[in-house]
PDB file of N, CA and C in Angstrom:
ATOM      1  N   MET A   1      23.196  11.087  44.486  1.00  0.00           N
ATOM      2  CA  MET A   1      22.903   9.652  44.129  1.00  0.00           C
ATOM      3  C   MET A   1      22.273   9.085  45.300  1.00  0.00           C
ATOM      4  N   SER A   2      21.522   8.027  44.740  1.00  0.00           N
ATOM      5  CA  SER A   2      20.692   7.191  45.524  1.00  0.00           C
ATOM      6  C   SER A   2      21.564   5.846  46.044  1.00  0.00           C
ATOM      7  N   ASN A   3      20.904   4.987  46.948  1.00  0.00           N
ATOM      8  CA  ASN A   3      21.396   3.813  47.228  1.00  0.00           C
ATOM      9  C   ASN A   3      21.246   2.609  46.282  1.00  0.00           C
ATOM     10  N   ALA A   4      20.575   2.974  45.277  1.00  0.00           N
ATOM     11  CA  ALA A   4      20.643   2.004  44.127  1.00  0.00           C
ATOM     12  C   ALA A   4      21.743   1.445  43.642  1.00  0.00           C
ATOM     13  N   PRO A   5      22.117   0.166  43.299  1.00  0.00           N
ATOM     14  CA  PRO A   5      23.244  -0.138  42.690  1.00  0.00           C
ATOM     15  C   PRO A   5      23.443   0.438  41.329  1.00  0.00           C
ATOM     16  N   PHE A   6      22.509   0.651  40.654  1.00  0.00           N
ATOM     17  CA  PHE A   6      22.873   1.416  39.296  1.00  0.00           C
ATOM     18  C   PHE A   6      21.565   2.398  39.004  1.00  0.00           C
ATOM     19  N   GLU A   7      21.838   3.300  38.122  1.00  0.00           N
ATOM     20  CA  GLU A   7      20.854   4.625  37.835  1.00  0.00           C
ATOM     21  C   GLU A   7      20.558   4.246  36.363  1.00  0.00           C
ATOM     22  N   ILE A   8      19.229   4.227  36.034  1.00  0.00           N
ATOM     23  CA  ILE A   8      18.874   4.442  34.698  1.00  0.00           C
ATOM     24  C   ILE A   8      18.524   5.704  34.191  1.00  0.00           C
ATOM     25  N   ARG A   9      19.179   6.250  33.132  1.00  0.00           N
ATOM     26  CA  ARG A   9      18.999   7.467  32.545  1.00  0.00           C
ATOM     27  C   ARG A   9      18.080   7.593  31.373  1.00  0.00           C
ATOM     28  N   ILE A  10      17.110   8.412  31.364  1.00  0.00           N
ATOM     29  CA  ILE A  10      16.334   8.504  30.538  1.00  0.00           C
ATOM     30  C   ILE A  10      16.841   9.598  29.481  1.00  0.00           C
ATOM     31  N   PRO A  11      17.073   9.482  28.275  1.00  0.00           N
ATOM     32  CA  PRO A  11      17.427  10.386  27.304  1.00  0.00           C
ATOM     33  C   PRO A  11      16.617  11.478  27.350  1.00  0.00           C
ATOM     34  N   ASP A  12      16.931  12.823  26.938  1.00  0.00           N
ATOM     35  CA  ASP A  12      15.858  13.760  27.008  1.00  0.00           C
ATOM     36  C   ASP A  12      14.799  13.784  25.761  1.00  0.00           C
ATOM     37  N   LEU A  13      15.207  13.037  24.781  1.00  0.00           N
ATOM     38  CA  LEU A  13      14.383  12.808  23.692  1.00  0.00           C
ATOM     39  C   LEU A  13      13.065  12.261  24.088  1.00  0.00           C
ATOM     40  N   ILE A  14      13.205  11.249  24.861  1.00  0.00           N
ATOM     41  CA  ILE A  14      12.196  10.388  25.355  1.00  0.00           C
ATOM     42  C   ILE A  14      11.424  10.848  26.258  1.00  0.00           C
ATOM     43  N   ARG A  15      12.070  11.741  27.344  1.00  0.00           N
ATOM     44  CA  ARG A  15      11.394  12.575  28.350  1.00  0.00           C
ATOM     45  C   ARG A  15      10.582  13.502  27.840  1.00  0.00           C
ATOM     46  N   ASN A  16      11.007  14.386  26.623  1.00  0.00           N
ATOM     47  CA  ASN A  16      10.231  15.362  26.049  1.00  0.00           C
ATOM     48  C   ASN A  16       9.217  15.018  25.264  1.00  0.00           C
ATOM     49  N   GLY A  17       8.965  13.652  24.945  1.00  0.00           N
ATOM     50  CA  GLY A  17       8.101  13.127  24.090  1.00  0.00           C
ATOM     51  C   GLY A  17       8.211  13.274  22.542  1.00  0.00           C
ATOM     52  N   LEU A  18       9.451  13.862  22.001  1.00  0.00           N
ATOM     53  CA  LEU A  18       9.814  13.920  20.814  1.00  0.00           C
ATOM     54  C   LEU A  18       9.864  12.690  20.154  1.00  0.00           C
ATOM     55  N   LEU A  19      10.343  11.559  20.696  1.00  0.00           N
ATOM     56  CA  LEU A  19      10.459  10.281  20.339  1.00  0.00           C
ATOM     57  C   LEU A  19       9.220   9.689  19.835  1.00  0.00           C
ATOM     58  N   VAL A  20       8.189   9.918  20.720  1.00  0.00           N
ATOM     59  CA  VAL A  20       6.998   9.273  20.636  1.00  0.00           C
ATOM     60  C   VAL A  20       6.157  10.008  19.421  1.00  0.00           C
ATOM     61  N   TRP A  21       6.457  11.367  19.135  1.00  0.00           N
ATOM     62  CA  TRP A  21       5.756  11.987  18.075  1.00  0.00           C
ATOM     63  C   TRP A  21       6.522  11.804  16.657  1.00  0.00           C
ATOM     64  N   VAL A  22       7.791  11.346  16.801  1.00  0.00           N
ATOM     65  CA  VAL A  22       8.397  10.879  15.386  1.00  0.00           C
ATOM     66  C   VAL A  22       8.066   9.531  15.112  1.00  0.00           C
ATOM     67  N   LEU A  23       7.946   8.661  16.218  1.00  0.00           N
ATOM     68  CA  LEU A  23       7.224   7.194  15.701  1.00  0.00           C
ATOM     69  C   LEU A  23       5.756   7.195  15.457  1.00  0.00           C
ATOM     70  N   LEU A  24       5.018   8.181  15.971  1.00  0.00           N
ATOM     71  CA  LEU A  24       3.830   8.419  15.339  1.00  0.00           C
ATOM     72  C   LEU A  24       3.647   8.962  14.044  1.00  0.00           C
ATOM     73  N   ALA A  25       4.554   9.802  13.567  1.00  0.00           N
ATOM     74  CA  ALA A  25       4.689  10.317  12.384  1.00  0.00           C
ATOM     75  C   ALA A  25       4.927   9.201  11.208  1.00  0.00           C
ATOM     76  N   ILE A  26       6.042   8.327  11.574  1.00  0.00           N
ATOM     77  CA  ILE A  26       6.423   7.465  10.668  1.00  0.00           C
ATOM     78  C   ILE A  26       5.414   6.451  10.462  1.00  0.00           C
ATOM     79  N   ILE A  27       4.579   6.119  11.519  1.00  0.00           N
ATOM     80  CA  ILE A  27       3.519   5.123  11.214  1.00  0.00           C
ATOM     81  C   ILE A  27       2.601   5.563  10.496  1.00  0.00           C
ATOM     82  N   LEU A  28       2.050   6.898  10.540  1.00  0.00           N
ATOM     83  CA  LEU A  28       1.251   7.634   9.839  1.00  0.00           C
ATOM     84  C   LEU A  28       1.526   7.720   8.188  1.00  0.00           C
ATOM     85  N   LEU A  29       3.084   7.844   8.252  1.00  0.00           N
ATOM     86  CA  LEU A  29       3.374   8.026   6.793  1.00  0.00           C
ATOM     87  C   LEU A  29       3.336   6.695   6.352  1.00  0.00           C
ATOM     88  N   VAL A  30       3.700   5.624   6.861  1.00  0.00           N
ATOM     89  CA  VAL A  30       3.781   4.211   6.295  1.00  0.00           C
ATOM     90  C   VAL A  30       2.279   3.993   5.656  1.00  0.00           C
ATOM     91  N   GLY A  31       1.371   4.145   6.828  1.00  0.00           N
ATOM     92  CA  GLY A  31      -0.211   4.085   6.542  1.00  0.00           C
ATOM     93  C   GLY A  31      -0.694   4.599   5.446  1.00  0.00           C
ATOM     94  N   LEU A  32      -0.337   5.919   5.102  1.00  0.00           N
ATOM     95  CA  LEU A  32      -0.736   6.584   4.026  1.00  0.00           C
ATOM     96  C   LEU A  32      -0.239   6.014   2.522  1.00  0.00           C
ATOM     97  N   VAL A  33       1.182   5.723   2.557  1.00  0.00           N
ATOM     98  CA  VAL A  33       1.821   5.089   1.482  1.00  0.00           C
ATOM     99  C   VAL A  33       1.364   3.815   1.028  1.00  0.00           C
ATOM    100  N   THR A  34       0.972   2.839   2.400  1.00  0.00           N
ATOM    101  CA  THR A  34       0.323   1.699   1.677  1.00  0.00           C
ATOM    102  C   THR A  34      -1.129   1.557   1.613  1.00  0.00           C
ATOM    103  N   SER A  35      -1.788   2.782   1.545  1.00  0.00           N
ATOM    104  CA  SER A  35      -3.212   2.816   1.273  1.00  0.00           C
ATOM    105  C   SER A  35      -3.581   3.207   0.001  1.00  0.00           C
ATOM    106  N   VAL A  36      -2.534   3.610  -0.855  1.00  0.00           N
ATOM    107  CA  VAL A  36      -2.854   4.217  -2.249  1.00  0.00           C
ATOM    108  C   VAL A  36      -2.361   3.124  -3.286  1.00  0.00           C
ATOM    109  N   TYR A  37      -3.172   2.710  -4.208  1.00  0.00           N
ATOM    110  CA  TYR A  37      -2.820   1.998  -5.370  1.00  0.00           C
ATOM    111  C   TYR A  37      -3.438   2.176  -6.438  1.00  0.00           C
ATOM    112  N   THR A  38      -2.940   1.717  -7.630  1.00  0.00           N
ATOM    113  CA  THR A  38      -3.387   2.045  -8.944  1.00  0.00           C
ATOM    114  C   THR A  38      -3.759   0.666  -9.751  1.00  0.00           C
ATOM    115  N   VAL A  39      -4.845   0.988 -10.691  1.00  0.00           N
ATOM    116  CA  VAL A  39      -5.193  -0.236 -11.395  1.00  0.00           C
ATOM    117  C   VAL A  39      -4.952   0.323 -12.716  1.00  0.00           C
ATOM    118  N   PRO A  40      -4.165  -0.417 -13.701  1.00  0.00           N
ATOM    119  CA  PRO A  40      -3.892   0.000 -15.149  1.00  0.00           C
ATOM    120  C   PRO A  40      -5.099   0.084 -15.932  1.00  0.00           C
ATOM    121  N   ALA A  41      -4.869   0.666 -16.849  1.00  0.00           N
ATOM    122  CA  ALA A  41      -6.090   0.918 -17.980  1.00  0.00           C
ATOM    123  C   ALA A  41      -6.773  -0.351 -18.447  1.00  0.00           C
ATOM    124  N   GLU A  42      -6.027  -1.556 -18.802  1.00  0.00           N
ATOM    125  CA  GLU A  42      -6.491  -2.757 -19.379  1.00  0.00           C
ATOM    126  C   GLU A  42      -6.808  -3.705 -18.229  1.00  0.00           C
ATOM    127  N   SER A  43      -6.945  -3.278 -17.111  1.00  0.00           N
ATOM    128  CA  SER A  43      -7.145  -4.259 -15.888  1.00  0.00           C
ATOM    129  C   SER A  43      -8.294  -4.043 -15.184  1.00  0.00           C
ATOM    130  N   GLU A  44      -8.613  -4.904 -14.330  1.00  0.00           N
ATOM    131  CA  GLU A  44      -9.481  -4.614 -13.014  1.00  0.00           C
ATOM    132  C   GLU A  44      -9.031  -5.080 -11.756  1.00  0.00           C
ATOM    133  N   GLY A  45      -9.392  -4.467 -10.674  1.00  0.00           N
ATOM    134  CA  GLY A  45      -8.802  -5.134  -9.446  1.00  0.00           C
ATOM    135  C   GLY A  45      -9.836  -5.861  -8.542  1.00  0.00           C
ATOM    136  N   VAL A  46      -9.339  -6.754  -7.750  1.00  0.00           N
ATOM    137  CA  VAL A  46     -10.093  -7.336  -6.777  1.00  0.00           C
ATOM    138  C   VAL A  46      -9.506  -7.077  -5.357  1.00  0.00           C
ATOM    139  N   VAL A  47     -10.465  -6.737  -4.466  1.00  0.00           N
ATOM    140  CA  VAL A  47     -10.087  -6.191  -3.086  1.00  0.00           C
ATOM    141  C   VAL A  47     -10.336  -7.217  -2.241  1.00  0.00           C
ATOM    142  N   LEU A  48      -9.424  -7.831  -1.529  1.00  0.00           N
ATOM    143  CA  LEU A  48      -9.543  -8.651  -0.438  1.00  0.00           C
ATOM    144  C   LEU A  48      -9.506  -8.117   0.954  1.00  0.00           C
ATOM    145  N   ARG A  49     -10.472  -8.251   1.679  1.00  0.00           N
ATOM    146  CA  ARG A  49     -10.329  -7.703   3.273  1.00  0.00           C
ATOM    147  C   ARG A  49     -10.482  -8.801   4.009  1.00  0.00           C
ATOM    148  N   PHE A  50      -9.160  -8.925   4.693  1.00  0.00           N
ATOM    149  CA  PHE A  50      -9.096  -9.970   5.624  1.00  0.00           C
ATOM    150  C   PHE A  50      -8.916 -11.397   4.803  1.00  0.00           C
ATOM    151  N   GLY A  51      -8.692 -11.416   3.444  1.00  0.00           N
ATOM    152  CA  GLY A  51      -8.626 -12.693   2.724  1.00  0.00           C
ATOM    153  C   GLY A  51      -9.921 -12.929   2.095  1.00  0.00           C
ATOM    154  N   LYS A  52     -10.990 -12.213   2.330  1.00  0.00           N
ATOM    155  CA  LYS A  52     -12.348 -12.445   1.757  1.00  0.00           C
ATOM    156  C   LYS A  52     -12.595 -11.379   0.656  1.00  0.00           C
ATOM    157  N   ALA A  53     -12.991 -11.845  -0.425  1.00  0.00           N
ATOM    158  CA  ALA A  53     -13.287 -10.823  -1.724  1.00  0.00           C
ATOM    159  C   ALA A  53     -14.415  -9.865  -1.211  1.00  0.00           C
ATOM    160  N   GLN A  54     -14.137  -8.707  -1.912  1.00  0.00           N
ATOM    161  CA  GLN A  54     -15.411  -7.670  -1.777  1.00  0.00           C
ATOM    162  C   GLN A  54     -16.394  -8.056  -2.849  1.00  0.00           C
ATOM    163  N   LYS A  55     -17.405  -7.323  -2.774  1.00  0.00           N
ATOM    164  CA  LYS A  55     -18.392  -7.750  -3.935  1.00  0.00           C
ATOM    165  C   LYS A  55     -18.161  -7.014  -5.081  1.00  0.00           C
ATOM    166  N   GLU A  56     -17.676  -5.740  -5.094  1.00  0.00           N
ATOM    167  CA  GLU A  56     -17.352  -4.956  -6.117  1.00  0.00           C
ATOM    168  C   GLU A  56     -16.077  -5.012  -7.012  1.00  0.00           C
ATOM    169  N   LYS A  57     -16.109  -4.819  -8.185  1.00  0.00           N
ATOM    170  CA  LYS A  57     -14.730  -4.877  -8.896  1.00  0.00           C
ATOM    171  C   LYS A  57     -14.182  -3.565  -8.933  1.00  0.00           C
ATOM    172  N   VAL A  58     -12.855  -3.360  -9.021  1.00  0.00           N
ATOM    173  CA  VAL A  58     -12.250  -1.895  -9.041  1.00  0.00           C
ATOM    174  C   VAL A  58     -11.910  -1.747 -10.302  1.00  0.00           C
ATOM    175  N   GLN A  59     -12.496  -0.572 -10.724  1.00  0.00           N
ATOM    176  CA  GLN A  59     -12.248  -0.152 -11.915  1.00  0.00           C
ATOM    177  C   GLN A  59     -10.726   0.586 -12.230  1.00  0.00           C
ATOM    178  N   PRO A  60     -10.073   0.759 -13.617  1.00  0.00           N
ATOM    179  CA  PRO A  60      -9.049   1.388 -13.592  1.00  0.00           C
ATOM    180  C   PRO A  60      -8.981   2.636 -13.127  1.00  0.00           C
ATOM    181  N   GLY A  61      -7.811   3.180 -12.370  1.00  0.00           N
ATOM    182  CA  GLY A  61      -7.574   4.256 -11.927  1.00  0.00           C
ATOM    183  C   GLY A  61      -6.829   4.262 -10.637  1.00  0.00           C
ATOM    184  N   LEU A  62      -6.773   5.579  -9.694  1.00  0.00           N
ATOM    185  CA  LEU A  62      -5.899   5.368  -8.591  1.00  0.00           C
ATOM    186  C   LEU A  62      -7.324   5.338  -7.522  1.00  0.00           C
ATOM    187  N   HIS A  63      -6.816   4.464  -6.574  1.00  0.00           N
ATOM    188  CA  HIS A  63      -7.771   4.052  -5.522  1.00  0.00           C
ATOM    189  C   HIS A  63      -7.132   4.142  -3.999  1.00  0.00           C
ATOM    190  N   PHE A  64      -7.985   4.178  -3.026  1.00  0.00           N
ATOM    191  CA  PHE A  64      -7.531   4.008  -1.776  1.00  0.00           C
ATOM    192  C   PHE A  64      -7.926   2.742  -1.092  1.00  0.00           C
ATOM    193  N   LYS A  65      -7.298   2.122  -0.296  1.00  0.00           N
ATOM    194  CA  LYS A  65      -7.661   0.854   0.562  1.00  0.00           C
ATOM    195  C   LYS A  65      -7.229   1.173   1.873  1.00  0.00           C
ATOM    196  N   LEU A  66      -7.601   0.100   2.762  1.00  0.00           N
ATOM    197  CA  LEU A  66      -7.290  -0.022   4.144  1.00  0.00           C
ATOM    198  C   LEU A  66      -5.739  -0.217   4.319  1.00  0.00           C
ATOM    199  N   PRO A  67      -4.808   0.483   5.009  1.00  0.00           N
ATOM    200  CA  PRO A  67      -3.389   0.066   5.262  1.00  0.00           C
ATOM    201  C   PRO A  67      -3.169  -0.943   6.025  1.00  0.00           C
ATOM    202  N   PHE A  68      -1.795  -1.493   6.160  1.00  0.00           N
ATOM    203  CA  PHE A  68      -1.244  -2.319   7.048  1.00  0.00           C
ATOM    204  C   PHE A  68      -1.684  -3.769   6.784  1.00  0.00           C
ATOM    205  N   GLY A  69      -2.059  -4.026   5.528  1.00  0.00           N
ATOM    206  CA  GLY A  69      -2.399  -5.408   5.405  1.00  0.00           C
ATOM    207  C   GLY A  69      -4.000  -5.833   5.632  1.00  0.00           C
ATOM    208  N   ILE A  70      -4.656  -4.983   6.087  1.00  0.00           N
ATOM    209  CA  ILE A  70      -6.115  -5.177   6.182  1.00  0.00           C
ATOM    210  C   ILE A  70      -6.823  -5.578   4.655  1.00  0.00           C
ATOM    211  N   ASP A  71      -6.379  -4.682   3.685  1.00  0.00           N
ATOM    212  CA  ASP A  71      -6.953  -4.873   2.372  1.00  0.00           C
ATOM    213  C   ASP A  71      -5.740  -5.287   1.567  1.00  0.00           C
ATOM    214  N   ASP A  72      -5.791  -6.209   0.622  1.00  0.00           N
ATOM    215  CA  ASP A  72      -4.848  -6.831  -0.302  1.00  0.00           C
ATOM    216  C   ASP A  72      -5.639  -6.520  -1.678  1.00  0.00           C
ATOM    217  N   VAL A  73      -5.080  -6.036  -2.801  1.00  0.00           N
ATOM    218  CA  VAL A  73      -5.561  -5.916  -4.071  1.00  0.00           C
ATOM    219  C   VAL A  73      -4.763  -6.689  -5.148  1.00  0.00           C
ATOM    220  N   TYR A  74      -5.622  -7.355  -5.951  1.00  0.00           N
ATOM    221  CA  TYR A  74      -5.056  -8.287  -6.865  1.00  0.00           C
ATOM    222  C   TYR A  74      -5.661  -7.774  -8.205  1.00  0.00           C
ATOM    223  N   VAL A  75      -4.484  -7.211  -9.153  1.00  0.00           N
ATOM    224  CA  VAL A  75      -4.716  -6.566 -10.218  1.00  0.00           C
ATOM    225  C   VAL A  75      -4.798  -7.856 -11.550  1.00  0.00           C
ATOM    226  N   LEU A  76      -6.057  -7.954 -12.208  1.00  0.00           N
ATOM    227  CA  LEU A  76      -6.301  -8.859 -13.436  1.00  0.00           C
ATOM    228  C   LEU A  76      -6.263  -8.117 -14.645  1.00  0.00           C
ATOM    229  N   PRO A  77      -5.484  -8.612 -15.644  1.00  0.00           N
ATOM    230  CA  PRO A  77      -5.645  -8.184 -16.951  1.00  0.00           C
ATOM    231  C   PRO A  77      -6.834  -8.675 -17.526  1.00  0.00           C
ATOM    232  N   VAL A  78      -7.970  -7.854 -17.829  1.00  0.00           N
ATOM    233  CA  VAL A  78      -9.230  -8.379 -18.437  1.00  0.00           C
ATOM    234  C   VAL A  78      -9.651  -7.822 -20.011  1.00  0.00           C
ATOM    235  N   LYS A  79      -9.207  -6.629 -20.077  1.00  0.00           N
ATOM    236  CA  LYS A  79      -9.448  -5.936 -21.292  1.00  0.00           C
ATOM    237  C   LYS A  79      -8.340  -6.000 -22.573  1.00  0.00           C
ATOM    238  N   ARG A  80      -7.486  -6.777 -22.184  1.00  0.00           N
ATOM    239  CA  ARG A  80      -6.227  -6.974 -23.190  1.00  0.00           C
ATOM    240  C   ARG A  80      -6.714  -7.427 -24.455  1.00  0.00           C
ATOM    241  N   GLN A  81      -6.578  -6.694 -25.615  1.00  0.00           N
ATOM    242  CA  GLN A  81      -6.806  -7.273 -26.866  1.00  0.00           C
ATOM    243  C   GLN A  81      -5.539  -7.746 -27.683  1.00  0.00           C
ATOM    244  N   LEU A  82      -5.485  -8.913 -28.181  1.00  0.00           N
ATOM    245  CA  LEU A  82      -4.214  -9.521 -28.715  1.00  0.00           C
ATOM    246  C   LEU A  82      -4.449  -9.269 -30.208  1.00  0.00           C
ATOM    247  N   LYS A  83      -3.577  -9.070 -31.084  1.00  0.00           N
ATOM    248  CA  LYS A  83      -3.931  -9.174 -32.564  1.00  0.00           C
ATOM    249  C   LYS A  83      -2.927 -10.162 -33.394  1.00  0.00           C
ATOM    250  N   GLN A  84      -3.210 -10.980 -34.188  1.00  0.00           N
ATOM    251  CA  GLN A  84      -2.343 -11.816 -34.775  1.00  0.00           C
ATOM    252  C   GLN A  84      -2.872 -11.557 -36.299  1.00  0.00           C
ATOM    253  N   GLU A  85      -1.853 -11.409 -37.108  1.00  0.00           N
ATOM    254  CA  GLU A  85      -1.902 -11.030 -38.512  1.00  0.00           C
ATOM    255  C   GLU A  85      -1.514 -12.214 -39.317  1.00  0.00           C
ATOM    256  N   TYR A  86      -2.362 -12.542 -40.196  1.00  0.00           N
ATOM    257  CA  TYR A  86      -1.956 -13.634 -41.163  1.00  0.00           C
ATOM    258  C   TYR A  86      -1.985 -13.242 -42.644  1.00  0.00           C
ATOM    259  N   GLY A  87      -0.843 -13.596 -43.233  1.00  0.00           N
ATOM    260  CA  GLY A  87      -0.750 -13.174 -44.888  1.00  0.00           C
ATOM    261  C   GLY A  87      -0.496 -11.696 -45.278  1.00  0.00           C
ATOM    262  N   PHE A  88      -0.607 -10.649 -44.247  1.00  0.00           N
ATOM    263  CA  PHE A  88      -0.203  -9.368 -44.521  1.00  0.00           C
ATOM    264  C   PHE A  88       0.173  -8.731 -43.607  1.00  0.00           C
ATOM    265  N   ALA A  89       0.671  -7.432 -43.687  1.00  0.00           N
ATOM    266  CA  ALA A  89       1.457  -6.923 -42.346  1.00  0.00           C
ATOM    267  C   ALA A  89       0.651  -5.357 -42.477  1.00  0.00           C
ATOM    268  N   THR A  90       0.631  -4.867 -41.241  1.00  0.00           N
ATOM    269  CA  THR A  90       0.116  -3.449 -41.194  1.00  0.00           C
ATOM    270  C   THR A  90       1.047  -2.455 -41.336  1.00  0.00           C
ATOM    271  N   ALA A  91       0.887  -1.415 -42.077  1.00  0.00           N
ATOM    272  CA  ALA A  91       2.008  -0.371 -42.172  1.00  0.00           C
ATOM    273  C   ALA A  91       2.399   0.065 -40.884  1.00  0.00           C
ATOM    274  N   GLY A  92       3.802   0.139 -40.679  1.00  0.00           N
ATOM    275  CA  GLY A  92       4.217   0.706 -39.500  1.00  0.00           C
ATOM    276  C   GLY A  92       4.437  -0.471 -38.312  1.00  0.00           C
ATOM    277  N   ALA A  93       4.098  -1.705 -38.658  1.00  0.00           N
ATOM    278  CA  ALA A  93       4.260  -2.687 -37.385  1.00  0.00           C
ATOM    279  C   ALA A  93       5.462  -3.371 -37.672  1.00  0.00           C
TER     280      ALA A  93
END
């Protein structure tokens, strides 16, 4: 024992670096999960990078973006076709 009034004990997990690797793995996993998005078939997407719209529209499908809130995606329904029938009915409708 030393002359210090109290002793700080560092757990073995921190001393061996395991905790650092676990935290890095969690951050990487969250980054991967937040960087994938889907645009539905009848829609187009707009990507905002730091709040400013990018020039290209995003077509339907699976896409990647920058994680952790750098890129935001807004999905807009643009190809939806609505049908109104007057005076007759379609078979099976």
